[in-house]
């Protein structure tokens, strides 16, 4: 996910301070990986340099000096273009999961063991997401569903690959 485009979208809603952008980003998109403050301000600096946001005057107060950022017409245009583009529907055909299985087979190691370990990790993550879905708000439930559907697809792939390990080993080692 593009942090810069996400921040442009949040700024299109209303001008904001970097601290407020981080809070909003984390509450909506950063549950598993909050955005570091340095990344927020670094991204805002690049967006300002490129003319996509305009920093307001420095405001002095009780705490550190602050600037309220506003999206520019150029930033709004880039955000609109990004929002209108479809996400590539095809998954990457060479995922890390696939690479590990093939390398294990090529090297004569147990791909079955790796698949079992991966299945266990997926099931643990699914339990965590299911709890989030049951206890969270609608945003949490929808994000959890998205993750669960991807994990379910991976589990189906693991089962299918497991059933074909002998044939795959023969193909990649010949």
N, C-alpha and C. Protein backbone atom coordinates (compact mmCIF):
# COMPACT_ATOMS: atom_id res chain seq x y z
N UNK A 1 0.85 -1.17 0.00
CA UNK A 1 0.00 0.00 0.00
C UNK A 1 0.90 1.23 0.00
N UNK A 2 0.51 2.21 -0.78
CA UNK A 2 1.29 3.44 -0.88
C UNK A 2 0.95 4.38 0.27
N UNK A 3 1.94 4.63 1.12
CA UNK A 3 1.73 5.54 2.24
C UNK A 3 1.47 6.95 1.73
N UNK A 4 2.22 7.38 0.72
CA UNK A 4 2.06 8.75 0.24
C UNK A 4 0.65 8.97 -0.33
N UNK A 5 0.14 8.02 -1.08
CA UNK A 5 -1.21 8.18 -1.64
C UNK A 5 -2.28 8.10 -0.54
N UNK A 6 -2.03 7.27 0.45
CA UNK A 6 -2.97 7.18 1.57
C UNK A 6 -3.01 8.51 2.34
N UNK A 7 -1.84 9.10 2.58
CA UNK A 7 -1.80 10.39 3.27
C UNK A 7 -2.47 11.47 2.43
N UNK A 8 -2.29 11.43 1.10
CA UNK A 8 -2.99 12.40 0.25
C UNK A 8 -4.51 12.25 0.41
N UNK A 9 -4.98 11.02 0.46
CA UNK A 9 -6.42 10.79 0.65
C UNK A 9 -6.91 11.30 1.99
N UNK A 10 -6.12 11.08 3.04
CA UNK A 10 -6.52 11.59 4.36
C UNK A 10 -6.50 13.12 4.38
N UNK A 11 -5.55 13.72 3.67
CA UNK A 11 -5.49 15.18 3.61
C UNK A 11 -6.61 15.76 2.74
N UNK A 12 -7.08 15.00 1.78
CA UNK A 12 -8.19 15.50 0.97
C UNK A 12 -9.43 15.68 1.83
N UNK A 13 -9.56 14.85 2.83
CA UNK A 13 -10.69 14.96 3.76
C UNK A 13 -10.65 16.28 4.50
N UNK A 14 -9.45 16.62 5.02
CA UNK A 14 -9.28 17.89 5.74
C UNK A 14 -7.79 18.13 5.98
N UNK A 15 -7.37 19.39 6.01
CA UNK A 15 -5.97 19.68 6.36
C UNK A 15 -5.66 19.12 7.76
N UNK A 16 -4.45 18.60 7.92
CA UNK A 16 -4.11 17.94 9.19
C UNK A 16 -2.65 18.11 9.54
N UNK A 17 -2.36 17.95 10.82
CA UNK A 17 -1.00 17.89 11.31
C UNK A 17 -0.47 16.48 11.10
N UNK A 18 0.85 16.34 11.06
CA UNK A 18 1.45 15.02 10.90
C UNK A 18 1.01 14.05 11.97
N UNK A 19 0.92 14.51 13.21
CA UNK A 19 0.51 13.65 14.32
C UNK A 19 -0.91 13.11 14.08
N UNK A 20 -1.80 13.98 13.61
CA UNK A 20 -3.18 13.55 13.35
C UNK A 20 -3.24 12.55 12.19
N UNK A 21 -2.40 12.77 11.17
CA UNK A 21 -2.36 11.83 10.04
C UNK A 21 -1.90 10.45 10.49
N UNK A 22 -0.87 10.42 11.35
CA UNK A 22 -0.39 9.14 11.86
C UNK A 22 -1.48 8.44 12.65
N UNK A 23 -2.15 9.17 13.51
CA UNK A 23 -3.22 8.58 14.33
C UNK A 23 -4.32 7.99 13.44
N UNK A 24 -4.74 8.76 12.43
CA UNK A 24 -5.80 8.29 11.53
C UNK A 24 -5.34 7.09 10.70
N UNK A 25 -4.12 7.17 10.19
CA UNK A 25 -3.57 6.06 9.40
C UNK A 25 -3.53 4.79 10.25
N UNK A 26 -2.97 4.90 11.45
CA UNK A 26 -2.83 3.73 12.31
C UNK A 26 -4.19 3.14 12.69
N UNK A 27 -5.16 3.99 12.96
CA UNK A 27 -6.46 3.48 13.39
C UNK A 27 -7.22 2.82 12.24
N UNK A 28 -6.97 3.28 11.01
CA UNK A 28 -7.69 2.72 9.87
C UNK A 28 -6.92 1.62 9.13
N UNK A 29 -5.60 1.78 9.00
CA UNK A 29 -4.84 0.90 8.14
C UNK A 29 -3.64 0.22 8.81
N UNK A 30 -3.21 0.68 9.96
CA UNK A 30 -1.95 0.21 10.51
C UNK A 30 -2.07 -0.68 11.73
N UNK A 31 -3.10 -1.48 11.80
CA UNK A 31 -3.30 -2.29 13.00
C UNK A 31 -2.12 -3.21 13.29
N UNK A 32 -1.64 -3.91 12.27
CA UNK A 32 -0.53 -4.84 12.49
C UNK A 32 0.83 -4.16 12.39
N UNK A 33 0.86 -3.00 11.74
CA UNK A 33 2.14 -2.32 11.55
C UNK A 33 1.90 -0.82 11.56
N UNK A 34 1.94 -0.21 12.74
CA UNK A 34 1.74 1.24 12.81
C UNK A 34 2.81 1.97 12.01
N UNK A 35 2.42 3.10 11.49
CA UNK A 35 3.32 3.94 10.70
C UNK A 35 4.27 4.69 11.63
N UNK A 36 5.58 4.57 11.43
CA UNK A 36 6.51 5.33 12.28
C UNK A 36 6.39 6.83 12.01
N UNK A 37 6.57 7.63 13.06
CA UNK A 37 6.50 9.09 12.90
C UNK A 37 7.48 9.57 11.83
N UNK A 38 8.68 9.01 11.83
CA UNK A 38 9.68 9.42 10.84
C UNK A 38 9.21 9.21 9.42
N UNK A 39 8.47 8.13 9.19
CA UNK A 39 7.95 7.87 7.85
C UNK A 39 6.86 8.88 7.49
N UNK A 40 6.03 9.24 8.45
CA UNK A 40 4.99 10.24 8.20
C UNK A 40 5.62 11.55 7.76
N UNK A 41 6.56 12.04 8.56
CA UNK A 41 7.16 13.35 8.26
C UNK A 41 8.08 13.30 7.04
N UNK A 42 8.75 12.17 6.83
CA UNK A 42 9.56 12.02 5.63
C UNK A 42 8.68 12.03 4.38
N UNK A 43 7.56 11.33 4.44
CA UNK A 43 6.64 11.29 3.31
C UNK A 43 6.03 12.67 3.07
N UNK A 44 5.63 13.36 4.14
CA UNK A 44 5.08 14.71 3.99
C UNK A 44 6.12 15.65 3.38
N UNK A 45 7.37 15.50 3.77
CA UNK A 45 8.43 16.32 3.21
C UNK A 45 8.59 16.10 1.72
N UNK A 46 8.55 14.83 1.28
CA UNK A 46 8.65 14.53 -0.15
C UNK A 46 7.43 15.03 -0.91
N UNK A 47 6.26 14.87 -0.31
CA UNK A 47 5.03 15.35 -0.96
C UNK A 47 5.06 16.87 -1.11
N UNK A 48 5.58 17.57 -0.10
CA UNK A 48 5.70 19.03 -0.17
C UNK A 48 6.73 19.42 -1.23
N UNK A 49 7.85 18.73 -1.25
CA UNK A 49 8.90 19.00 -2.25
C UNK A 49 8.36 18.85 -3.67
N UNK A 50 7.49 17.84 -3.88
CA UNK A 50 6.94 17.55 -5.20
C UNK A 50 5.68 18.36 -5.51
N UNK A 51 5.29 19.24 -4.59
CA UNK A 51 4.14 20.11 -4.84
C UNK A 51 2.79 19.45 -4.67
N UNK A 52 2.75 18.33 -3.96
CA UNK A 52 1.49 17.61 -3.79
C UNK A 52 0.77 17.96 -2.50
N UNK A 53 1.51 18.50 -1.54
CA UNK A 53 0.91 19.05 -0.32
C UNK A 53 1.56 20.39 -0.04
N UNK A 54 0.85 21.18 0.70
CA UNK A 54 1.36 22.50 1.08
C UNK A 54 1.40 22.57 2.60
N UNK A 55 2.62 22.75 3.15
CA UNK A 55 2.68 22.89 4.61
C UNK A 55 2.28 24.31 4.99
N UNK A 56 1.48 24.42 6.02
CA UNK A 56 1.09 25.74 6.51
C UNK A 56 2.22 26.38 7.28
N UNK A 57 1.95 27.53 7.82
CA UNK A 57 2.94 28.23 8.65
C UNK A 57 3.20 27.42 9.91
N UNK A 58 4.39 27.51 10.42
CA UNK A 58 4.74 26.83 11.66
C UNK A 58 3.95 27.45 12.80
N UNK A 59 3.29 26.59 13.56
CA UNK A 59 2.48 27.05 14.69
C UNK A 59 3.22 26.74 15.97
N UNK A 60 3.38 27.72 16.82
CA UNK A 60 4.05 27.55 18.10
C UNK A 60 2.99 27.37 19.17
N UNK A 61 3.26 26.45 20.08
CA UNK A 61 2.30 26.21 21.16
C UNK A 61 3.00 25.65 22.37
N UNK A 62 2.25 24.96 23.20
CA UNK A 62 2.81 24.37 24.41
C UNK A 62 3.79 23.24 24.09
N UNK A 63 3.51 22.50 23.03
CA UNK A 63 4.37 21.38 22.66
C UNK A 63 5.30 21.78 21.53
N UNK A 64 5.74 20.77 20.76
CA UNK A 64 6.63 21.06 19.63
C UNK A 64 5.91 21.89 18.56
N UNK A 65 6.69 22.61 17.76
CA UNK A 65 6.11 23.39 16.66
C UNK A 65 5.42 22.42 15.69
N UNK A 66 4.33 22.91 15.09
CA UNK A 66 3.55 22.06 14.20
C UNK A 66 3.20 22.80 12.92
N UNK A 67 2.98 22.02 11.86
CA UNK A 67 2.52 22.55 10.59
C UNK A 67 1.28 21.76 10.18
N UNK A 68 0.29 22.48 9.70
CA UNK A 68 -0.91 21.83 9.18
C UNK A 68 -0.73 21.70 7.67
N UNK A 69 -0.84 20.48 7.17
CA UNK A 69 -0.64 20.20 5.75
C UNK A 69 -1.97 20.18 5.02
N UNK A 70 -1.94 20.69 3.77
CA UNK A 70 -3.11 20.74 2.91
C UNK A 70 -2.75 20.10 1.58
N UNK A 71 -3.63 19.30 1.04
CA UNK A 71 -3.37 18.70 -0.27
C UNK A 71 -3.52 19.79 -1.34
N UNK A 72 -2.65 19.76 -2.35
CA UNK A 72 -2.71 20.71 -3.46
C UNK A 72 -3.53 20.11 -4.60
N UNK A 73 -3.77 20.90 -5.63
CA UNK A 73 -4.49 20.39 -6.81
C UNK A 73 -3.72 19.24 -7.45
N UNK A 74 -2.38 19.36 -7.51
CA UNK A 74 -1.56 18.29 -8.07
C UNK A 74 -1.69 17.01 -7.24
N UNK A 75 -1.64 17.14 -5.92
CA UNK A 75 -1.81 15.99 -5.04
C UNK A 75 -3.19 15.37 -5.17
N UNK A 76 -4.20 16.21 -5.25
CA UNK A 76 -5.58 15.72 -5.41
C UNK A 76 -5.72 14.98 -6.74
N UNK A 77 -5.12 15.51 -7.79
CA UNK A 77 -5.17 14.88 -9.10
C UNK A 77 -4.49 13.51 -9.09
N UNK A 78 -3.33 13.43 -8.45
CA UNK A 78 -2.62 12.15 -8.37
C UNK A 78 -3.44 11.15 -7.55
N UNK A 79 -4.03 11.60 -6.45
CA UNK A 79 -4.85 10.72 -5.62
C UNK A 79 -6.05 10.22 -6.41
N UNK A 80 -6.73 11.12 -7.12
CA UNK A 80 -7.90 10.72 -7.91
C UNK A 80 -7.53 9.69 -8.98
N UNK A 81 -6.39 9.89 -9.64
CA UNK A 81 -5.94 8.94 -10.66
C UNK A 81 -5.68 7.57 -10.03
N UNK A 82 -5.01 7.56 -8.88
CA UNK A 82 -4.71 6.30 -8.18
C UNK A 82 -5.99 5.61 -7.73
N UNK A 83 -6.92 6.38 -7.20
CA UNK A 83 -8.17 5.81 -6.71
C UNK A 83 -8.96 5.16 -7.84
N UNK A 84 -8.85 5.71 -9.04
CA UNK A 84 -9.59 5.17 -10.18
C UNK A 84 -8.93 3.98 -10.85
N UNK A 85 -7.68 3.67 -10.52
CA UNK A 85 -6.98 2.55 -11.13
C UNK A 85 -7.34 1.25 -10.42
N UNK A 86 -7.62 0.19 -11.19
CA UNK A 86 -7.86 -1.09 -10.52
C UNK A 86 -6.56 -1.68 -9.98
N UNK A 87 -6.68 -2.46 -8.95
CA UNK A 87 -5.54 -3.20 -8.41
C UNK A 87 -5.33 -4.40 -9.31
N UNK A 88 -4.09 -4.73 -9.56
CA UNK A 88 -3.77 -5.88 -10.41
C UNK A 88 -4.46 -7.13 -9.86
N UNK A 89 -5.38 -7.72 -10.64
CA UNK A 89 -6.14 -8.86 -10.13
C UNK A 89 -5.34 -10.16 -10.05
N UNK A 90 -4.28 -10.28 -10.80
CA UNK A 90 -3.49 -11.50 -10.78
C UNK A 90 -2.51 -11.49 -9.61
N UNK A 91 -2.52 -12.53 -8.81
CA UNK A 91 -1.51 -12.59 -7.74
C UNK A 91 -0.14 -12.88 -8.36
N UNK A 92 0.87 -12.59 -7.61
CA UNK A 92 2.21 -12.91 -8.06
C UNK A 92 2.31 -14.43 -8.18
N UNK A 93 2.86 -14.88 -9.30
CA UNK A 93 2.91 -16.32 -9.51
C UNK A 93 4.06 -16.99 -8.77
N UNK A 94 5.00 -16.22 -8.28
CA UNK A 94 6.13 -16.81 -7.58
C UNK A 94 6.21 -16.26 -6.17
N UNK A 95 5.28 -16.69 -5.35
CA UNK A 95 5.27 -16.23 -3.97
C UNK A 95 6.38 -16.90 -3.18
N UNK A 96 6.68 -16.33 -2.04
CA UNK A 96 7.70 -16.90 -1.16
C UNK A 96 7.31 -18.32 -0.74
N UNK A 97 6.03 -18.55 -0.54
CA UNK A 97 5.53 -19.87 -0.18
C UNK A 97 5.92 -20.89 -1.25
N UNK A 98 5.69 -20.56 -2.50
CA UNK A 98 6.03 -21.45 -3.61
C UNK A 98 7.54 -21.64 -3.71
N UNK A 99 8.29 -20.57 -3.59
CA UNK A 99 9.75 -20.63 -3.71
C UNK A 99 10.33 -21.56 -2.64
N UNK A 100 9.86 -21.45 -1.42
CA UNK A 100 10.37 -22.30 -0.34
C UNK A 100 10.11 -23.79 -0.61
N UNK A 101 8.92 -24.10 -1.12
CA UNK A 101 8.59 -25.50 -1.41
C UNK A 101 9.52 -26.04 -2.50
N UNK A 102 9.66 -25.29 -3.58
CA UNK A 102 10.50 -25.75 -4.69
C UNK A 102 11.96 -25.88 -4.26
N UNK A 103 12.46 -24.89 -3.53
CA UNK A 103 13.85 -24.98 -3.08
C UNK A 103 14.07 -26.15 -2.13
N UNK A 104 13.12 -26.40 -1.24
CA UNK A 104 13.24 -27.55 -0.34
C UNK A 104 13.34 -28.84 -1.16
N UNK A 105 12.52 -28.98 -2.18
CA UNK A 105 12.54 -30.18 -3.02
C UNK A 105 13.85 -30.29 -3.80
N UNK A 106 14.28 -29.20 -4.38
CA UNK A 106 15.53 -29.20 -5.16
C UNK A 106 16.71 -29.59 -4.29
N UNK A 107 16.70 -29.13 -3.04
CA UNK A 107 17.81 -29.39 -2.12
C UNK A 107 17.67 -30.70 -1.36
N UNK A 108 16.62 -31.45 -1.65
CA UNK A 108 16.43 -32.74 -0.99
C UNK A 108 15.96 -32.61 0.45
N UNK A 109 15.41 -31.49 0.79
CA UNK A 109 14.89 -31.29 2.14
C UNK A 109 13.39 -31.57 2.17
N UNK A 110 12.83 -31.59 3.36
CA UNK A 110 11.42 -31.93 3.50
C UNK A 110 10.52 -30.73 3.23
N UNK A 111 9.89 -30.75 2.07
CA UNK A 111 8.90 -29.72 1.76
C UNK A 111 7.65 -29.98 2.61
N UNK A 112 7.39 -31.22 2.92
CA UNK A 112 6.23 -31.57 3.76
C UNK A 112 6.35 -30.90 5.13
N UNK A 113 7.54 -30.95 5.70
CA UNK A 113 7.76 -30.33 7.01
C UNK A 113 7.50 -28.84 6.93
N UNK A 114 8.02 -28.20 5.87
CA UNK A 114 7.80 -26.76 5.70
C UNK A 114 6.30 -26.47 5.56
N UNK A 115 5.60 -27.25 4.75
CA UNK A 115 4.16 -27.03 4.56
C UNK A 115 3.40 -27.19 5.88
N UNK A 116 3.80 -28.17 6.70
CA UNK A 116 3.15 -28.37 8.00
C UNK A 116 3.37 -27.16 8.92
N UNK A 117 4.60 -26.66 8.94
CA UNK A 117 4.92 -25.50 9.77
C UNK A 117 4.13 -24.28 9.28
N UNK A 118 4.05 -24.12 7.97
CA UNK A 118 3.33 -22.99 7.41
C UNK A 118 1.82 -23.08 7.70
N UNK A 119 1.28 -24.29 7.60
CA UNK A 119 -0.13 -24.49 7.91
C UNK A 119 -0.42 -24.10 9.36
N UNK A 120 0.44 -24.52 10.26
CA UNK A 120 0.28 -24.19 11.68
C UNK A 120 0.30 -22.68 11.89
N UNK A 121 1.23 -21.99 11.23
CA UNK A 121 1.32 -20.53 11.36
C UNK A 121 0.06 -19.86 10.79
N UNK A 122 -0.43 -20.36 9.66
CA UNK A 122 -1.65 -19.79 9.07
C UNK A 122 -2.85 -19.99 9.99
N UNK A 123 -2.98 -21.17 10.56
CA UNK A 123 -4.11 -21.44 11.45
C UNK A 123 -4.06 -20.56 12.69
N UNK A 124 -2.87 -20.33 13.23
CA UNK A 124 -2.73 -19.45 14.39
C UNK A 124 -3.15 -18.03 14.02
N UNK A 125 -2.72 -17.56 12.87
CA UNK A 125 -3.10 -16.21 12.43
C UNK A 125 -4.61 -16.12 12.20
N UNK A 126 -5.19 -17.18 11.66
CA UNK A 126 -6.64 -17.19 11.44
C UNK A 126 -7.40 -17.09 12.77
N UNK A 127 -6.90 -17.75 13.80
CA UNK A 127 -7.55 -17.64 15.12
C UNK A 127 -7.49 -16.20 15.63
N UNK A 128 -6.36 -15.56 15.46
CA UNK A 128 -6.20 -14.16 15.89
C UNK A 128 -7.16 -13.26 15.12
N UNK A 129 -7.24 -13.45 13.81
CA UNK A 129 -8.13 -12.62 13.00
C UNK A 129 -9.60 -12.88 13.33
N UNK A 130 -9.93 -14.12 13.63
CA UNK A 130 -11.31 -14.44 14.00
C UNK A 130 -11.69 -13.74 15.30
N UNK A 131 -10.78 -13.71 16.27
CA UNK A 131 -11.04 -12.97 17.51
C UNK A 131 -11.23 -11.49 17.24
N UNK A 132 -10.37 -10.93 16.40
CA UNK A 132 -10.50 -9.51 16.04
C UNK A 132 -11.85 -9.25 15.38
N UNK A 133 -12.24 -10.13 14.51
CA UNK A 133 -13.51 -9.99 13.80
C UNK A 133 -14.70 -10.01 14.77
N UNK A 134 -14.62 -10.86 15.77
CA UNK A 134 -15.72 -11.00 16.72
C UNK A 134 -15.77 -9.87 17.73
N UNK A 135 -14.62 -9.27 18.03
CA UNK A 135 -14.57 -8.27 19.09
C UNK A 135 -14.47 -6.84 18.57
N UNK A 136 -14.13 -6.68 17.31
CA UNK A 136 -13.84 -5.35 16.79
C UNK A 136 -15.04 -4.66 16.18
N UNK A 137 -14.73 -3.51 15.64
CA UNK A 137 -15.72 -2.71 14.92
C UNK A 137 -15.86 -3.27 13.50
N UNK A 138 -16.75 -2.67 12.72
CA UNK A 138 -16.97 -3.13 11.35
C UNK A 138 -15.69 -3.04 10.53
N UNK A 139 -14.91 -1.97 10.70
CA UNK A 139 -13.64 -1.84 9.97
C UNK A 139 -12.73 -3.02 10.32
N UNK A 140 -12.65 -3.36 11.59
CA UNK A 140 -11.82 -4.49 12.02
C UNK A 140 -12.33 -5.80 11.40
N UNK A 141 -13.64 -5.98 11.40
CA UNK A 141 -14.22 -7.21 10.86
C UNK A 141 -13.94 -7.35 9.36
N UNK A 142 -14.06 -6.25 8.63
CA UNK A 142 -13.80 -6.32 7.19
C UNK A 142 -12.33 -6.59 6.90
N UNK A 143 -11.44 -5.95 7.65
CA UNK A 143 -10.01 -6.23 7.47
C UNK A 143 -9.69 -7.68 7.85
N UNK A 144 -10.30 -8.16 8.92
CA UNK A 144 -10.08 -9.54 9.34
C UNK A 144 -10.59 -10.51 8.27
N UNK A 145 -11.77 -10.24 7.71
CA UNK A 145 -12.30 -11.08 6.65
C UNK A 145 -11.35 -11.13 5.46
N UNK A 146 -10.82 -9.98 5.07
CA UNK A 146 -9.88 -9.92 3.95
C UNK A 146 -8.68 -10.82 4.23
N UNK A 147 -8.11 -10.71 5.40
CA UNK A 147 -6.98 -11.55 5.77
C UNK A 147 -7.36 -13.02 5.84
N UNK A 148 -8.52 -13.32 6.39
CA UNK A 148 -8.97 -14.71 6.50
C UNK A 148 -9.15 -15.35 5.13
N UNK A 149 -9.72 -14.61 4.19
CA UNK A 149 -9.92 -15.16 2.85
C UNK A 149 -8.59 -15.47 2.17
N UNK A 150 -7.60 -14.60 2.36
CA UNK A 150 -6.28 -14.87 1.79
C UNK A 150 -5.63 -16.09 2.45
N UNK A 151 -5.77 -16.18 3.76
CA UNK A 151 -5.20 -17.32 4.47
C UNK A 151 -5.90 -18.63 4.07
N UNK A 152 -7.21 -18.58 3.87
CA UNK A 152 -7.94 -19.76 3.42
C UNK A 152 -7.45 -20.21 2.06
N UNK A 153 -7.21 -19.25 1.16
CA UNK A 153 -6.69 -19.60 -0.17
C UNK A 153 -5.31 -20.23 -0.04
N UNK A 154 -4.47 -19.68 0.82
CA UNK A 154 -3.15 -20.27 1.03
C UNK A 154 -3.26 -21.69 1.57
N UNK A 155 -4.18 -21.90 2.50
CA UNK A 155 -4.36 -23.25 3.05
C UNK A 155 -4.82 -24.24 1.98
N UNK A 156 -5.70 -23.80 1.09
CA UNK A 156 -6.13 -24.68 -0.01
C UNK A 156 -4.92 -25.00 -0.90
N UNK A 157 -4.08 -23.99 -1.15
CA UNK A 157 -2.90 -24.21 -1.96
C UNK A 157 -1.93 -25.17 -1.27
N UNK A 158 -1.77 -25.02 0.03
CA UNK A 158 -0.90 -25.92 0.79
C UNK A 158 -1.40 -27.36 0.67
N UNK A 159 -2.70 -27.57 0.81
CA UNK A 159 -3.28 -28.91 0.70
C UNK A 159 -3.07 -29.49 -0.70
N UNK A 160 -3.30 -28.68 -1.71
CA UNK A 160 -3.13 -29.11 -3.09
C UNK A 160 -1.67 -29.45 -3.38
N UNK A 161 -0.77 -28.61 -2.94
CA UNK A 161 0.66 -28.83 -3.14
C UNK A 161 1.12 -30.08 -2.42
N UNK A 162 0.62 -30.27 -1.21
CA UNK A 162 0.96 -31.45 -0.42
C UNK A 162 0.57 -32.73 -1.18
N UNK A 163 -0.59 -32.71 -1.81
CA UNK A 163 -1.05 -33.87 -2.57
C UNK A 163 -0.21 -34.11 -3.82
N UNK A 164 0.49 -33.08 -4.28
CA UNK A 164 1.27 -33.20 -5.52
C UNK A 164 2.78 -33.14 -5.28
N UNK A 165 3.21 -33.26 -4.03
CA UNK A 165 4.65 -33.12 -3.73
C UNK A 165 5.52 -34.09 -4.51
N UNK A 166 5.12 -35.34 -4.61
CA UNK A 166 5.95 -36.33 -5.30
C UNK A 166 6.12 -35.94 -6.77
N UNK A 167 5.03 -35.57 -7.41
CA UNK A 167 5.10 -35.19 -8.83
C UNK A 167 5.91 -33.91 -9.00
N UNK A 168 5.75 -32.96 -8.10
CA UNK A 168 6.50 -31.72 -8.18
C UNK A 168 7.99 -31.97 -7.96
N UNK A 169 8.33 -32.82 -7.00
CA UNK A 169 9.73 -33.14 -6.74
C UNK A 169 10.36 -33.77 -7.98
N UNK A 170 9.63 -34.65 -8.62
CA UNK A 170 10.14 -35.30 -9.83
C UNK A 170 10.39 -34.26 -10.92
N UNK A 171 9.46 -33.32 -11.05
CA UNK A 171 9.57 -32.30 -12.11
C UNK A 171 10.72 -31.33 -11.87
N UNK A 172 10.91 -30.88 -10.63
CA UNK A 172 11.93 -29.86 -10.38
C UNK A 172 13.32 -30.44 -10.17
N UNK A 173 13.42 -31.74 -9.97
CA UNK A 173 14.76 -32.34 -9.77
C UNK A 173 15.25 -33.08 -10.99
N UNK A 174 14.45 -33.15 -12.06
CA UNK A 174 14.92 -33.87 -13.27
C UNK A 174 15.67 -32.97 -14.20
